[in-house]
Amino acid sequence: MTLSLFVTGTDTEIGKTFVSAALLRGLAHAGLRATALKPIAAGAYERDGVWRNEDADQLDAAASVLLPPDMRTPFLLKEPAAPHIAAALEGVTLDMQRIVECHRQACERADAVVVEGVGGFCVPLTAEHDTADLAVALDLPVVLVVGMRLGCISHALLTAQAIAARGLALAGWVANRIDPAMTFPEENIDALRERLAARYGAPLIGVVPHLRGGSADHAAEHLNIEMLLARLGAGMAAPVPR
């Protein structure tokens, strides 16, 4: 059975792609054929006549199994903007069923699939749906990346609450030290560790230090992949939030 998870974040620009790449490297080091899905990417550049996305490139570099680009990223939008805005500019409809089908195909090719969302957990995709609806459609346990900076406790708890409200399991969370000058980082991590475990049964998977120019392999050394695999393999159910 293929293991799969959905990676979301407390905001945009908090290192979600970097942590997703680290998860891919950790899974590969654990002996799994790991691949990435970046279903929606907003912001593209052209090279050799092909449109590409930097986040998708980073995930491909970390994966041990590569998917065809149109399977890995079925919706590649050129404008670096919120997905519903970029899609409207290009006349594209973000079809979740197409993403679900790409995920199904990815699961046939790998032992583990890391699906990276876009932006935060409730970013609009269409007039009716957002990224939370996409996570529900995929029906995957969620890993929450918390960008450690001032205000992160509220952002993390609100996101965890939204994940539970959609009936999804929170497999765990990663503290990503994006602000090296943050005061009281350990106290913030301790506050989140206690609350996310007590309310949602979500353990801290790892603390990624501020790694300027660091590699995904280096970041993977700070993640407890064995614990994550144990939780994913146990067939997680979403807890009732307290």
C-alpha atoms as a PDB file:
ATOM      1  CA  MET A   1       0.000   0.000   0.000  1.00  0.00           C
ATOM      2  CA  THR A   2       1.344   3.417  -0.953  1.00  0.00           C
ATOM      3  CA  LEU A   3       1.746   5.886   1.891  1.00  0.00           C
ATOM      4  CA  SER A   4       0.673   9.424   1.084  1.00  0.00           C
ATOM      5  CA  LEU A   5       0.404  12.698   2.963  1.00  0.00           C
ATOM      6  CA  PHE A   6      -0.687  16.273   2.330  1.00  0.00           C
ATOM      7  CA  VAL A   7       1.706  19.041   3.368  1.00  0.00           C
ATOM      8  CA  THR A   8       0.215  22.389   4.296  1.00  0.00           C
ATOM      9  CA  GLY A   9       1.547  25.448   6.074  1.00  0.00           C
ATOM     10  CA  THR A  10       0.591  28.228   8.436  1.00  0.00           C
ATOM     11  CA  ASP A  11       1.110  30.754   5.637  1.00  0.00           C
ATOM     12  CA  THR A  12       2.926  31.214   2.375  1.00  0.00           C
ATOM     13  CA  GLU A  13       6.737  31.640   2.303  1.00  0.00           C
ATOM     14  CA  ILE A  14       7.292  29.576   5.462  1.00  0.00           C
ATOM     15  CA  GLY A  15       9.381  26.810   3.910  1.00  0.00           C
ATOM     16  CA  LYS A  16       6.649  24.367   2.983  1.00  0.00           C
ATOM     17  CA  THR A  17       8.465  23.273  -0.178  1.00  0.00           C
ATOM     18  CA  PHE A  18      11.778  22.913   1.648  1.00  0.00           C
ATOM     19  CA  VAL A  19      10.199  20.725   4.336  1.00  0.00           C
ATOM     20  CA  SER A  20       8.355  18.717   1.669  1.00  0.00           C
ATOM     21  CA  ALA A  21      11.691  18.103  -0.040  1.00  0.00           C
ATOM     22  CA  ALA A  22      13.192  17.078   3.303  1.00  0.00           C
ATOM     23  CA  LEU A  23      10.317  14.628   3.821  1.00  0.00           C
ATOM     24  CA  LEU A  24      10.998  13.161   0.383  1.00  0.00           C
ATOM     25  CA  ARG A  25      14.682  12.698   1.200  1.00  0.00           C
ATOM     26  CA  GLY A  26      13.849  11.165   4.577  1.00  0.00           C
ATOM     27  CA  LEU A  27      11.418   8.717   2.984  1.00  0.00           C
ATOM     28  CA  ALA A  28      13.993   7.823   0.340  1.00  0.00           C
ATOM     29  CA  HIS A  29      16.633   7.243   3.019  1.00  0.00           C
ATOM     30  CA  ALA A  30      14.123   4.926   4.727  1.00  0.00           C
ATOM     31  CA  GLY A  31      14.175   2.773   1.589  1.00  0.00           C
ATOM     32  CA  LEU A  32      10.945   3.970   0.006  1.00  0.00           C
ATOM     33  CA  ARG A  33      10.453   5.025  -3.582  1.00  0.00           C
ATOM     34  CA  ALA A  34       9.251   8.549  -2.870  1.00  0.00           C
ATOM     35  CA  THR A  35       7.656  10.950  -5.294  1.00  0.00           C
ATOM     36  CA  ALA A  36       6.126  14.410  -5.148  1.00  0.00           C
ATOM     37  CA  LEU A  37       2.899  15.966  -6.308  1.00  0.00           C
ATOM     38  CA  LYS A  38       2.635  19.748  -6.555  1.00  0.00           C
ATOM     39  CA  PRO A  39      -0.907  19.823  -7.962  1.00  0.00           C
ATOM     40  CA  ILE A  40      -1.150  23.596  -8.330  1.00  0.00           C
ATOM     41  CA  ALA A  41       1.828  25.889  -8.794  1.00  0.00           C
ATOM     42  CA  ALA A  42       1.437  29.627  -9.335  1.00  0.00           C
ATOM     43  CA  GLY A  43       4.467  31.363 -10.750  1.00  0.00           C
ATOM     44  CA  ALA A  44       6.363  29.936 -13.706  1.00  0.00           C
ATOM     45  CA  TYR A  45       9.477  30.652 -15.730  1.00  0.00           C
ATOM     46  CA  GLU A  46      10.401  29.515 -19.223  1.00  0.00           C
ATOM     47  CA  ARG A  47      13.557  27.578 -19.982  1.00  0.00           C
ATOM     48  CA  ASP A  48      14.340  25.923 -23.317  1.00  0.00           C
ATOM     49  CA  GLY A  49      10.774  26.521 -24.436  1.00  0.00           C
ATOM     50  CA  VAL A  50       9.287  24.749 -21.393  1.00  0.00           C
ATOM     51  CA  TRP A  51       7.401  26.427 -18.562  1.00  0.00           C
ATOM     52  CA  ARG A  52       8.670  25.400 -15.127  1.00  0.00           C
ATOM     53  CA  ASN A  53       8.105  26.220 -11.472  1.00  0.00           C
ATOM     54  CA  GLU A  54      10.870  26.592  -8.881  1.00  0.00           C
ATOM     55  CA  ASP A  55       8.974  24.734  -6.140  1.00  0.00           C
ATOM     56  CA  ALA A  56       8.234  21.827  -8.469  1.00  0.00           C
ATOM     57  CA  ASP A  57      11.908  21.765  -9.503  1.00  0.00           C
ATOM     58  CA  GLN A  58      12.943  21.568  -5.858  1.00  0.00           C
ATOM     59  CA  LEU A  59      10.573  18.672  -5.221  1.00  0.00           C
ATOM     60  CA  ASP A  60      11.780  16.812  -8.311  1.00  0.00           C
ATOM     61  CA  ALA A  61      15.368  17.195  -7.125  1.00  0.00           C
ATOM     62  CA  ALA A  62      14.451  15.544  -3.815  1.00  0.00           C
ATOM     63  CA  ALA A  63      12.233  12.742  -5.142  1.00  0.00           C
ATOM     64  CA  SER A  64      13.604   9.286  -5.861  1.00  0.00           C
ATOM     65  CA  VAL A  65      10.820   8.671  -8.397  1.00  0.00           C
ATOM     66  CA  LEU A  66      10.089  11.347 -10.994  1.00  0.00           C
ATOM     67  CA  LEU A  67       6.619  11.833 -12.414  1.00  0.00           C
ATOM     68  CA  PRO A  68       5.781  13.288 -15.816  1.00  0.00           C
ATOM     69  CA  PRO A  69       5.481  17.078 -15.341  1.00  0.00           C
ATOM     70  CA  ASP A  70       1.780  17.156 -16.256  1.00  0.00           C
ATOM     71  CA  MET A  71       1.106  14.488 -13.617  1.00  0.00           C
ATOM     72  CA  ARG A  72       3.301  16.054 -10.950  1.00  0.00           C
ATOM     73  CA  THR A  73       1.798  19.495 -11.579  1.00  0.00           C
ATOM     74  CA  PRO A  74      -1.455  19.250 -13.540  1.00  0.00           C
ATOM     75  CA  PHE A  75      -2.051  22.988 -13.090  1.00  0.00           C
ATOM     76  CA  LEU A  76       1.008  25.153 -13.734  1.00  0.00           C
ATOM     77  CA  LEU A  77      -0.015  28.814 -13.685  1.00  0.00           C
ATOM     78  CA  LYS A  78       2.316  31.541 -14.930  1.00  0.00           C
ATOM     79  CA  GLU A  79       1.294  34.420 -12.653  1.00  0.00           C
ATOM     80  CA  PRO A  80       2.811  34.383  -9.116  1.00  0.00           C
ATOM     81  CA  ALA A  81      -0.511  35.140  -7.434  1.00  0.00           C
ATOM     82  CA  ALA A  82      -3.241  33.416  -5.462  1.00  0.00           C
ATOM     83  CA  PRO A  83      -4.331  30.368  -7.515  1.00  0.00           C
ATOM     84  CA  HIS A  84      -7.893  31.544  -8.180  1.00  0.00           C
ATOM     85  CA  ILE A  85      -6.566  34.878  -9.472  1.00  0.00           C
ATOM     86  CA  ALA A  86      -3.847  33.336 -11.650  1.00  0.00           C
ATOM     87  CA  ALA A  87      -6.269  30.730 -12.999  1.00  0.00           C
ATOM     88  CA  ALA A  88      -8.854  33.395 -13.896  1.00  0.00           C
ATOM     89  CA  LEU A  89      -6.208  35.410 -15.752  1.00  0.00           C
ATOM     90  CA  GLU A  90      -5.305  32.340 -17.828  1.00  0.00           C
ATOM     91  CA  GLY A  91      -8.849  31.069 -18.309  1.00  0.00           C
ATOM     92  CA  VAL A  92      -8.064  27.854 -16.412  1.00  0.00           C
ATOM     93  CA  THR A  93     -10.506  25.901 -14.256  1.00  0.00           C
ATOM     94  CA  LEU A  94      -8.796  24.187 -11.335  1.00  0.00           C
ATOM     95  CA  ASP A  95     -10.429  20.765 -11.493  1.00  0.00           C
ATOM     96  CA  MET A  96      -9.959  18.771  -8.296  1.00  0.00           C
ATOM     97  CA  GLN A  97     -10.985  15.491  -9.922  1.00  0.00           C
ATOM     98  CA  ARG A  98      -8.078  15.817 -12.327  1.00  0.00           C
ATOM     99  CA  ILE A  99      -5.762  16.240  -9.332  1.00  0.00           C
ATOM    100  CA  VAL A 100      -7.293  13.220  -7.601  1.00  0.00           C
ATOM    101  CA  GLU A 101      -6.666  11.155 -10.738  1.00  0.00           C
ATOM    102  CA  CYS A 102      -3.048  12.343 -10.944  1.00  0.00           C
ATOM    103  CA  HIS A 103      -2.600  11.341  -7.313  1.00  0.00           C
ATOM    104  CA  ARG A 104      -4.031   7.899  -8.029  1.00  0.00           C
ATOM    105  CA  GLN A 105      -1.573   7.446 -10.861  1.00  0.00           C
ATOM    106  CA  ALA A 106       1.312   8.671  -8.703  1.00  0.00           C
ATOM    107  CA  CYS A 107       0.428   6.087  -6.048  1.00  0.00           C
ATOM    108  CA  GLU A 108       0.814   3.363  -8.675  1.00  0.00           C
ATOM    109  CA  ARG A 109       4.405   4.464  -9.351  1.00  0.00           C
ATOM    110  CA  ALA A 110       5.833   4.949  -5.863  1.00  0.00           C
ATOM    111  CA  ASP A 111       5.810   3.678  -2.284  1.00  0.00           C
ATOM    112  CA  ALA A 112       5.255   7.140  -0.825  1.00  0.00           C
ATOM    113  CA  VAL A 113       3.692  10.303  -2.262  1.00  0.00           C
ATOM    114  CA  VAL A 114       4.196  13.750  -0.742  1.00  0.00           C
ATOM    115  CA  VAL A 115       1.496  16.158  -1.913  1.00  0.00           C
ATOM    116  CA  GLU A 116       2.379  19.803  -1.347  1.00  0.00           C
ATOM    117  CA  GLY A 117      -0.507  22.233  -1.149  1.00  0.00           C
ATOM    118  CA  VAL A 118      -0.379  25.821  -2.291  1.00  0.00           C
ATOM    119  CA  GLY A 119      -0.128  28.704   0.168  1.00  0.00           C
ATOM    120  CA  GLY A 120      -1.927  28.120   3.472  1.00  0.00           C
ATOM    121  CA  PHE A 121      -4.686  25.623   4.224  1.00  0.00           C
ATOM    122  CA  CYS A 122      -7.703  27.656   3.068  1.00  0.00           C
ATOM    123  CA  VAL A 123      -6.432  29.403  -0.068  1.00  0.00           C
ATOM    124  CA  PRO A 124      -9.238  29.830  -2.650  1.00  0.00           C
ATOM    125  CA  LEU A 125      -9.019  27.706  -5.785  1.00  0.00           C
ATOM    126  CA  THR A 126     -12.390  28.476  -7.364  1.00  0.00           C
ATOM    127  CA  ALA A 127     -15.510  30.382  -6.339  1.00  0.00           C
ATOM    128  CA  GLU A 128     -16.674  27.263  -4.469  1.00  0.00           C
ATOM    129  CA  HIS A 129     -13.525  25.423  -3.369  1.00  0.00           C
ATOM    130  CA  ASP A 130     -10.244  26.008  -1.561  1.00  0.00           C
ATOM    131  CA  THR A 131      -7.133  23.998  -0.740  1.00  0.00           C
ATOM    132  CA  ALA A 132      -8.859  22.505   2.296  1.00  0.00           C
ATOM    133  CA  ASP A 133     -11.426  21.004  -0.081  1.00  0.00           C
ATOM    134  CA  LEU A 134      -8.551  19.585  -2.120  1.00  0.00           C
ATOM    135  CA  ALA A 135      -7.094  17.891   0.971  1.00  0.00           C
ATOM    136  CA  VAL A 136     -10.546  16.437   1.696  1.00  0.00           C
ATOM    137  CA  ALA A 137     -10.925  15.215  -1.901  1.00  0.00           C
ATOM    138  CA  LEU A 138      -7.560  13.459  -1.633  1.00  0.00           C
ATOM    139  CA  ASP A 139      -8.513  12.186   1.856  1.00  0.00           C
ATOM    140  CA  LEU A 140      -4.956  12.278   3.164  1.00  0.00           C
ATOM    141  CA  PRO A 141      -3.418  12.784   6.604  1.00  0.00           C
ATOM    142  CA  VAL A 142      -1.886  16.239   6.894  1.00  0.00           C
ATOM    143  CA  VAL A 143       1.568  17.400   7.942  1.00  0.00           C
ATOM    144  CA  LEU A 144       1.574  21.008   9.100  1.00  0.00           C
ATOM    145  CA  VAL A 145       4.652  23.167   8.525  1.00  0.00           C
ATOM    146  CA  VAL A 146       4.852  25.964  11.082  1.00  0.00           C
ATOM    147  CA  GLY A 147       7.044  28.894  10.144  1.00  0.00           C
ATOM    148  CA  MET A 148       8.616  29.859  13.462  1.00  0.00           C
ATOM    149  CA  ARG A 149       8.199  33.604  13.793  1.00  0.00           C
ATOM    150  CA  LEU A 150       6.197  36.035  15.897  1.00  0.00           C
ATOM    151  CA  GLY A 151       2.506  35.087  15.745  1.00  0.00           C
ATOM    152  CA  CYS A 152       3.096  31.464  14.787  1.00  0.00           C
ATOM    153  CA  ILE A 153       1.279  29.980  17.796  1.00  0.00           C
ATOM    154  CA  SER A 154      -2.078  31.447  16.811  1.00  0.00           C
ATOM    155  CA  HIS A 155      -1.514  30.684  13.126  1.00  0.00           C
ATOM    156  CA  ALA A 156      -0.639  27.068  13.888  1.00  0.00           C
ATOM    157  CA  LEU A 157      -3.551  26.459  16.262  1.00  0.00           C
ATOM    158  CA  LEU A 158      -6.058  28.047  13.887  1.00  0.00           C
ATOM    159  CA  THR A 159      -4.756  25.928  11.007  1.00  0.00           C
ATOM    160  CA  ALA A 160      -4.896  22.751  13.111  1.00  0.00           C
ATOM    161  CA  GLN A 161      -8.460  23.624  14.072  1.00  0.00           C
ATOM    162  CA  ALA A 162      -9.394  24.070  10.406  1.00  0.00           C
ATOM    163  CA  ILE A 163      -7.785  20.723   9.513  1.00  0.00           C
ATOM    164  CA  ALA A 164      -9.752  18.914  12.218  1.00  0.00           C
ATOM    165  CA  ALA A 165     -12.962  20.716  11.237  1.00  0.00           C
ATOM    166  CA  ARG A 166     -12.655  19.193   7.761  1.00  0.00           C
ATOM    167  CA  GLY A 167     -12.455  15.724   9.281  1.00  0.00           C
ATOM    168  CA  LEU A 168      -8.788  15.228   8.408  1.00  0.00           C
ATOM    169  CA  ALA A 169      -6.103  13.670  10.589  1.00  0.00           C
ATOM    170  CA  LEU A 170      -3.100  15.766  11.557  1.00  0.00           C
ATOM    171  CA  ALA A 171      -0.211  13.323  11.223  1.00  0.00           C
ATOM    172  CA  GLY A 172       2.198  15.737  12.861  1.00  0.00           C
ATOM    173  CA  TRP A 173       3.864  19.097  12.513  1.00  0.00           C
ATOM    174  CA  VAL A 174       7.278  20.494  11.696  1.00  0.00           C
ATOM    175  CA  ALA A 175       8.748  23.605  13.292  1.00  0.00           C
ATOM    176  CA  ASN A 176      10.726  25.426  10.599  1.00  0.00           C
ATOM    177  CA  ARG A 177      13.073  28.105  11.978  1.00  0.00           C
ATOM    178  CA  ILE A 178      12.569  30.679   9.219  1.00  0.00           C
ATOM    179  CA  ASP A 179      13.423  33.655  11.444  1.00  0.00           C
ATOM    180  CA  PRO A 180      16.848  33.192  13.067  1.00  0.00           C
ATOM    181  CA  ALA A 181      16.277  36.331  15.146  1.00  0.00           C
ATOM    182  CA  MET A 182      12.998  35.092  16.665  1.00  0.00           C
ATOM    183  CA  THR A 183      12.931  35.554  20.432  1.00  0.00           C
ATOM    184  CA  PHE A 184      11.938  32.617  22.657  1.00  0.00           C
ATOM    185  CA  PRO A 185      11.767  30.034  19.867  1.00  0.00           C
ATOM    186  CA  GLU A 186      12.005  27.047  22.234  1.00  0.00           C
ATOM    187  CA  GLU A 187       9.199  28.402  24.398  1.00  0.00           C
ATOM    188  CA  ASN A 188       7.018  28.825  21.310  1.00  0.00           C
ATOM    189  CA  ILE A 189       7.798  25.282  20.168  1.00  0.00           C
ATOM    190  CA  ASP A 190       7.008  23.918  23.641  1.00  0.00           C
ATOM    191  CA  ALA A 191       3.666  25.741  23.685  1.00  0.00           C
ATOM    192  CA  LEU A 192       2.717  24.283  20.319  1.00  0.00           C
ATOM    193  CA  ARG A 193       4.039  20.818  21.166  1.00  0.00           C
ATOM    194  CA  GLU A 194       1.806  20.633  24.230  1.00  0.00           C
ATOM    195  CA  ARG A 195      -1.331  22.026  22.605  1.00  0.00           C
ATOM    196  CA  LEU A 196      -1.173  20.222  19.259  1.00  0.00           C
ATOM    197  CA  ALA A 197      -0.566  16.907  21.011  1.00  0.00           C
ATOM    198  CA  ALA A 198      -3.306  17.392  23.603  1.00  0.00           C
ATOM    199  CA  ARG A 199      -5.962  18.729  21.250  1.00  0.00           C
ATOM    200  CA  TYR A 200      -5.237  16.882  18.012  1.00  0.00           C
ATOM    201  CA  GLY A 201      -2.914  14.022  18.917  1.00  0.00           C
ATOM    202  CA  ALA A 202      -0.308  15.548  16.590  1.00  0.00           C
ATOM    203  CA  PRO A 203       3.348  15.038  17.543  1.00  0.00           C
ATOM    204  CA  LEU A 204       6.285  17.244  16.653  1.00  0.00           C
ATOM    205  CA  ILE A 205       8.023  15.487  13.759  1.00  0.00           C
ATOM    206  CA  GLY A 206      11.079  17.687  13.881  1.00  0.00           C
ATOM    207  CA  VAL A 207      12.629  21.121  14.241  1.00  0.00           C
ATOM    208  CA  VAL A 208      14.407  22.316  11.108  1.00  0.00           C
ATOM    209  CA  PRO A 209      17.047  24.931  11.999  1.00  0.00           C
ATOM    210  CA  HIS A 210      17.618  28.035   9.933  1.00  0.00           C
ATOM    211  CA  LEU A 211      19.621  26.577   7.049  1.00  0.00           C
ATOM    212  CA  ARG A 212      20.735  29.327   4.709  1.00  0.00           C
ATOM    213  CA  GLY A 213      21.615  27.458   1.533  1.00  0.00           C
ATOM    214  CA  GLY A 214      21.108  24.126   3.321  1.00  0.00           C
ATOM    215  CA  SER A 215      20.140  20.978   1.460  1.00  0.00           C
ATOM    216  CA  ALA A 216      16.998  18.881   1.766  1.00  0.00           C
ATOM    217  CA  ASP A 217      19.205  16.000   2.915  1.00  0.00           C
ATOM    218  CA  HIS A 218      20.526  18.141   5.760  1.00  0.00           C
ATOM    219  CA  ALA A 219      16.999  19.168   6.748  1.00  0.00           C
ATOM    220  CA  ALA A 220      15.862  15.531   6.626  1.00  0.00           C
ATOM    221  CA  GLU A 221      18.352  14.739   9.393  1.00  0.00           C
ATOM    222  CA  HIS A 222      16.190  16.836  11.723  1.00  0.00           C
ATOM    223  CA  LEU A 223      12.956  14.919  10.990  1.00  0.00           C
ATOM    224  CA  ASN A 224      11.713  11.812  12.778  1.00  0.00           C
ATOM    225  CA  ILE A 225      10.726   9.855   9.676  1.00  0.00           C
ATOM    226  CA  GLU A 226      10.324   6.604  11.605  1.00  0.00           C
ATOM    227  CA  MET A 227       7.656   8.138  13.821  1.00  0.00           C
ATOM    228  CA  LEU A 228       5.879   9.628  10.820  1.00  0.00           C
ATOM    229  CA  LEU A 229       5.900   6.295   8.989  1.00  0.00           C
ATOM    230  CA  ALA A 230       4.529   4.542  12.053  1.00  0.00           C
ATOM    231  CA  ARG A 231       1.639   7.002  12.242  1.00  0.00           C
ATOM    232  CA  LEU A 232       0.899   6.835   8.531  1.00  0.00           C
ATOM    233  CA  GLY A 233       1.061   3.039   8.552  1.00  0.00           C
ATOM    234  CA  ALA A 234      -1.347   2.841  11.469  1.00  0.00           C
ATOM    235  CA  GLY A 235      -4.241   4.080   9.327  1.00  0.00           C
ATOM    236  CA  MET A 236      -4.864   7.347  11.111  1.00  0.00           C
ATOM    237  CA  ALA A 237      -8.325   8.643  11.881  1.00  0.00           C
ATOM    238  CA  ALA A 238      -9.101  12.284  12.532  1.00  0.00           C
ATOM    239  CA  PRO A 239      -9.575  12.983  16.266  1.00  0.00           C
ATOM    240  CA  VAL A 240     -12.420  15.041  17.612  1.00  0.00           C
ATOM    241  CA  PRO A 241     -10.905  18.446  18.509  1.00  0.00           C
ATOM    242  CA  ARG A 242     -11.054  19.479  22.149  1.00  0.00           C
END
